[in-house]
């Protein structure tokens, strides 16, 4: 999985090493889809995705992490 949309937020898989840094970005928060934070995944509010540049930044970050994982 690379990324997805949940309601009006972007779900981004950043990985455990980049998790804290991602949470420090504007409009990012812990992904708590199952009622507790999932380390390595964040939600980005729609306000943080208003420009093409910000959306591309999150998707590029996500794609880099996904491509770094071993093939299944």
N, C-alpha and C. Protein backbone atom coordinates (compact mmCIF):
# COMPACT_ATOMS: atom_id res chain seq x y z
N UNK A 1 0.83 -1.18 0.00
CA UNK A 1 0.00 0.00 0.00
C UNK A 1 0.88 1.24 0.00
N UNK A 2 0.48 2.19 -0.77
CA UNK A 2 1.22 3.45 -0.84
C UNK A 2 0.49 4.53 -0.05
N UNK A 3 -0.69 4.92 -0.48
CA UNK A 3 -1.45 5.94 0.24
C UNK A 3 -2.93 5.74 -0.09
N UNK A 4 -3.76 6.49 0.59
CA UNK A 4 -5.18 6.37 0.34
C UNK A 4 -5.91 7.58 0.87
N UNK A 5 -7.21 7.59 0.68
CA UNK A 5 -8.05 8.68 1.14
C UNK A 5 -9.09 8.09 2.10
N UNK A 6 -9.18 8.70 3.27
CA UNK A 6 -10.19 8.32 4.26
C UNK A 6 -10.98 9.57 4.58
N UNK A 7 -12.25 9.56 4.21
CA UNK A 7 -13.12 10.73 4.31
C UNK A 7 -12.49 11.89 3.52
N UNK A 8 -12.04 12.93 4.21
CA UNK A 8 -11.44 14.05 3.50
C UNK A 8 -9.96 14.22 3.84
N UNK A 9 -9.32 13.14 4.28
CA UNK A 9 -7.91 13.19 4.64
C UNK A 9 -7.10 12.20 3.82
N UNK A 10 -5.85 12.54 3.60
CA UNK A 10 -4.93 11.65 2.92
C UNK A 10 -4.27 10.76 3.97
N UNK A 11 -4.27 9.47 3.75
CA UNK A 11 -3.58 8.52 4.61
C UNK A 11 -2.23 8.23 3.95
N UNK A 12 -1.16 8.48 4.70
CA UNK A 12 0.18 8.38 4.14
C UNK A 12 1.00 7.38 4.95
N UNK A 13 1.63 6.47 4.25
CA UNK A 13 2.52 5.49 4.89
C UNK A 13 3.94 6.04 4.79
N UNK A 14 4.45 6.53 5.92
CA UNK A 14 5.78 7.15 5.94
C UNK A 14 6.84 6.23 6.51
N UNK A 15 6.44 5.18 7.19
CA UNK A 15 7.39 4.26 7.80
C UNK A 15 7.78 4.70 9.20
N UNK A 16 8.27 3.76 10.00
CA UNK A 16 8.59 4.06 11.39
C UNK A 16 9.73 5.06 11.57
N UNK A 17 10.70 5.07 10.69
CA UNK A 17 11.84 5.98 10.83
C UNK A 17 11.47 7.44 10.57
N UNK A 18 10.50 7.68 9.71
CA UNK A 18 10.09 9.05 9.36
C UNK A 18 8.82 9.48 10.07
N UNK A 19 8.32 8.64 10.96
CA UNK A 19 7.03 8.89 11.61
C UNK A 19 7.01 10.19 12.41
N UNK A 20 7.93 10.38 13.32
CA UNK A 20 7.93 11.58 14.16
C UNK A 20 8.12 12.86 13.33
N UNK A 21 8.98 12.79 12.34
CA UNK A 21 9.20 13.95 11.47
C UNK A 21 7.91 14.30 10.72
N UNK A 22 7.22 13.29 10.24
CA UNK A 22 5.97 13.52 9.50
C UNK A 22 4.92 14.15 10.41
N UNK A 23 4.85 13.69 11.66
CA UNK A 23 3.88 14.26 12.59
C UNK A 23 4.15 15.73 12.88
N UNK A 24 5.38 16.17 12.69
CA UNK A 24 5.73 17.56 12.91
C UNK A 24 5.34 18.48 11.77
N UNK A 25 4.86 17.92 10.68
CA UNK A 25 4.47 18.71 9.52
C UNK A 25 3.07 19.30 9.73
N UNK A 26 2.81 20.48 9.15
CA UNK A 26 1.48 21.09 9.29
C UNK A 26 0.39 20.16 8.76
N UNK A 27 -0.69 20.10 9.50
CA UNK A 27 -1.91 19.36 9.12
C UNK A 27 -1.77 17.85 9.21
N UNK A 28 -0.66 17.33 9.75
CA UNK A 28 -0.49 15.88 9.90
C UNK A 28 -0.85 15.48 11.33
N UNK A 29 -1.41 14.29 11.46
CA UNK A 29 -1.74 13.76 12.78
C UNK A 29 -1.63 12.24 12.75
N UNK A 30 -1.61 11.66 13.94
CA UNK A 30 -1.52 10.21 14.04
C UNK A 30 -2.70 9.56 13.33
N UNK A 31 -2.42 8.46 12.68
CA UNK A 31 -3.50 7.67 12.10
C UNK A 31 -4.01 6.75 13.19
N UNK A 32 -5.28 6.88 13.52
CA UNK A 32 -5.87 6.08 14.59
C UNK A 32 -7.10 5.33 14.09
N UNK A 33 -6.97 4.75 12.94
CA UNK A 33 -8.06 4.08 12.25
C UNK A 33 -8.72 3.00 13.11
N UNK A 34 -7.93 2.31 13.93
CA UNK A 34 -8.46 1.21 14.75
C UNK A 34 -8.59 1.60 16.22
N UNK A 35 -8.54 2.91 16.50
CA UNK A 35 -8.71 3.37 17.86
C UNK A 35 -7.42 3.60 18.62
N UNK A 36 -6.31 3.25 18.01
CA UNK A 36 -4.99 3.54 18.61
C UNK A 36 -4.05 3.94 17.48
N UNK A 37 -3.02 4.73 17.80
CA UNK A 37 -2.10 5.18 16.74
C UNK A 37 -1.39 4.01 16.05
N UNK A 38 -1.29 4.11 14.74
CA UNK A 38 -0.55 3.13 13.95
C UNK A 38 0.78 3.77 13.56
N UNK A 39 1.86 3.30 14.16
CA UNK A 39 3.18 3.88 13.92
C UNK A 39 3.56 3.69 12.45
N UNK A 40 4.00 4.77 11.84
CA UNK A 40 4.40 4.72 10.44
C UNK A 40 3.35 5.19 9.47
N UNK A 41 2.15 5.47 9.97
CA UNK A 41 1.05 5.96 9.14
C UNK A 41 0.51 7.25 9.73
N UNK A 42 0.25 8.23 8.88
CA UNK A 42 -0.32 9.50 9.34
C UNK A 42 -1.48 9.90 8.45
N UNK A 43 -2.35 10.70 9.01
CA UNK A 43 -3.39 11.38 8.24
C UNK A 43 -2.90 12.79 7.97
N UNK A 44 -3.21 13.30 6.80
CA UNK A 44 -2.94 14.69 6.45
C UNK A 44 -4.28 15.33 6.10
N UNK A 45 -4.65 16.36 6.85
CA UNK A 45 -5.92 17.05 6.63
C UNK A 45 -5.93 17.73 5.26
N UNK A 46 -7.11 17.88 4.72
CA UNK A 46 -7.26 18.47 3.39
C UNK A 46 -6.65 19.87 3.30
N UNK A 47 -6.64 20.61 4.41
CA UNK A 47 -6.04 21.94 4.41
C UNK A 47 -4.54 21.89 4.10
N UNK A 48 -3.91 20.78 4.41
CA UNK A 48 -2.48 20.62 4.13
C UNK A 48 -2.18 20.12 2.73
N UNK A 49 -3.23 20.00 1.92
CA UNK A 49 -3.08 19.45 0.57
C UNK A 49 -3.63 20.40 -0.49
N UNK A 50 -3.79 21.65 -0.13
CA UNK A 50 -4.45 22.59 -1.03
C UNK A 50 -3.63 22.92 -2.27
N UNK A 51 -2.31 22.85 -2.19
CA UNK A 51 -1.51 23.12 -3.38
C UNK A 51 -1.04 21.81 -4.00
N UNK A 52 -0.83 21.85 -5.29
CA UNK A 52 -0.30 20.67 -5.98
C UNK A 52 1.05 20.26 -5.39
N UNK A 53 1.84 21.26 -5.01
CA UNK A 53 3.17 21.00 -4.46
C UNK A 53 3.09 20.24 -3.14
N UNK A 54 2.19 20.63 -2.25
CA UNK A 54 2.10 19.94 -0.96
C UNK A 54 1.56 18.52 -1.13
N UNK A 55 0.57 18.34 -1.99
CA UNK A 55 0.05 17.00 -2.25
C UNK A 55 1.15 16.12 -2.84
N UNK A 56 1.85 16.64 -3.83
CA UNK A 56 2.92 15.87 -4.46
C UNK A 56 4.01 15.51 -3.45
N UNK A 57 4.33 16.43 -2.54
CA UNK A 57 5.33 16.15 -1.52
C UNK A 57 4.96 14.96 -0.67
N UNK A 58 3.71 14.90 -0.23
CA UNK A 58 3.27 13.77 0.58
C UNK A 58 3.24 12.46 -0.23
N UNK A 59 2.73 12.52 -1.44
CA UNK A 59 2.66 11.31 -2.26
C UNK A 59 4.06 10.83 -2.63
N UNK A 60 4.96 11.74 -2.95
CA UNK A 60 6.35 11.35 -3.25
C UNK A 60 7.00 10.70 -2.04
N UNK A 61 6.80 11.28 -0.85
CA UNK A 61 7.37 10.72 0.38
C UNK A 61 6.85 9.30 0.59
N UNK A 62 5.55 9.14 0.38
CA UNK A 62 4.92 7.84 0.55
C UNK A 62 5.44 6.83 -0.47
N UNK A 63 5.53 7.23 -1.71
CA UNK A 63 6.01 6.34 -2.76
C UNK A 63 7.46 5.90 -2.51
N UNK A 64 8.31 6.82 -2.07
CA UNK A 64 9.69 6.46 -1.77
C UNK A 64 9.75 5.38 -0.69
N UNK A 65 8.94 5.53 0.33
CA UNK A 65 8.94 4.51 1.39
C UNK A 65 8.42 3.18 0.85
N UNK A 66 7.31 3.20 0.15
CA UNK A 66 6.73 1.96 -0.38
C UNK A 66 7.72 1.25 -1.31
N UNK A 67 8.41 2.01 -2.15
CA UNK A 67 9.38 1.40 -3.07
C UNK A 67 10.62 0.86 -2.37
N UNK A 68 10.86 1.32 -1.15
CA UNK A 68 12.03 0.84 -0.40
C UNK A 68 11.78 -0.52 0.26
N UNK A 69 10.54 -0.95 0.30
CA UNK A 69 10.19 -2.21 0.95
C UNK A 69 10.44 -3.39 0.01
N UNK A 70 10.72 -4.56 0.58
CA UNK A 70 10.93 -5.74 -0.27
C UNK A 70 9.64 -6.11 -1.01
N UNK A 71 9.78 -6.64 -2.18
CA UNK A 71 8.62 -7.07 -2.97
C UNK A 71 7.93 -8.23 -2.27
N UNK A 72 6.63 -8.29 -2.43
CA UNK A 72 5.85 -9.40 -1.85
C UNK A 72 5.37 -10.31 -2.93
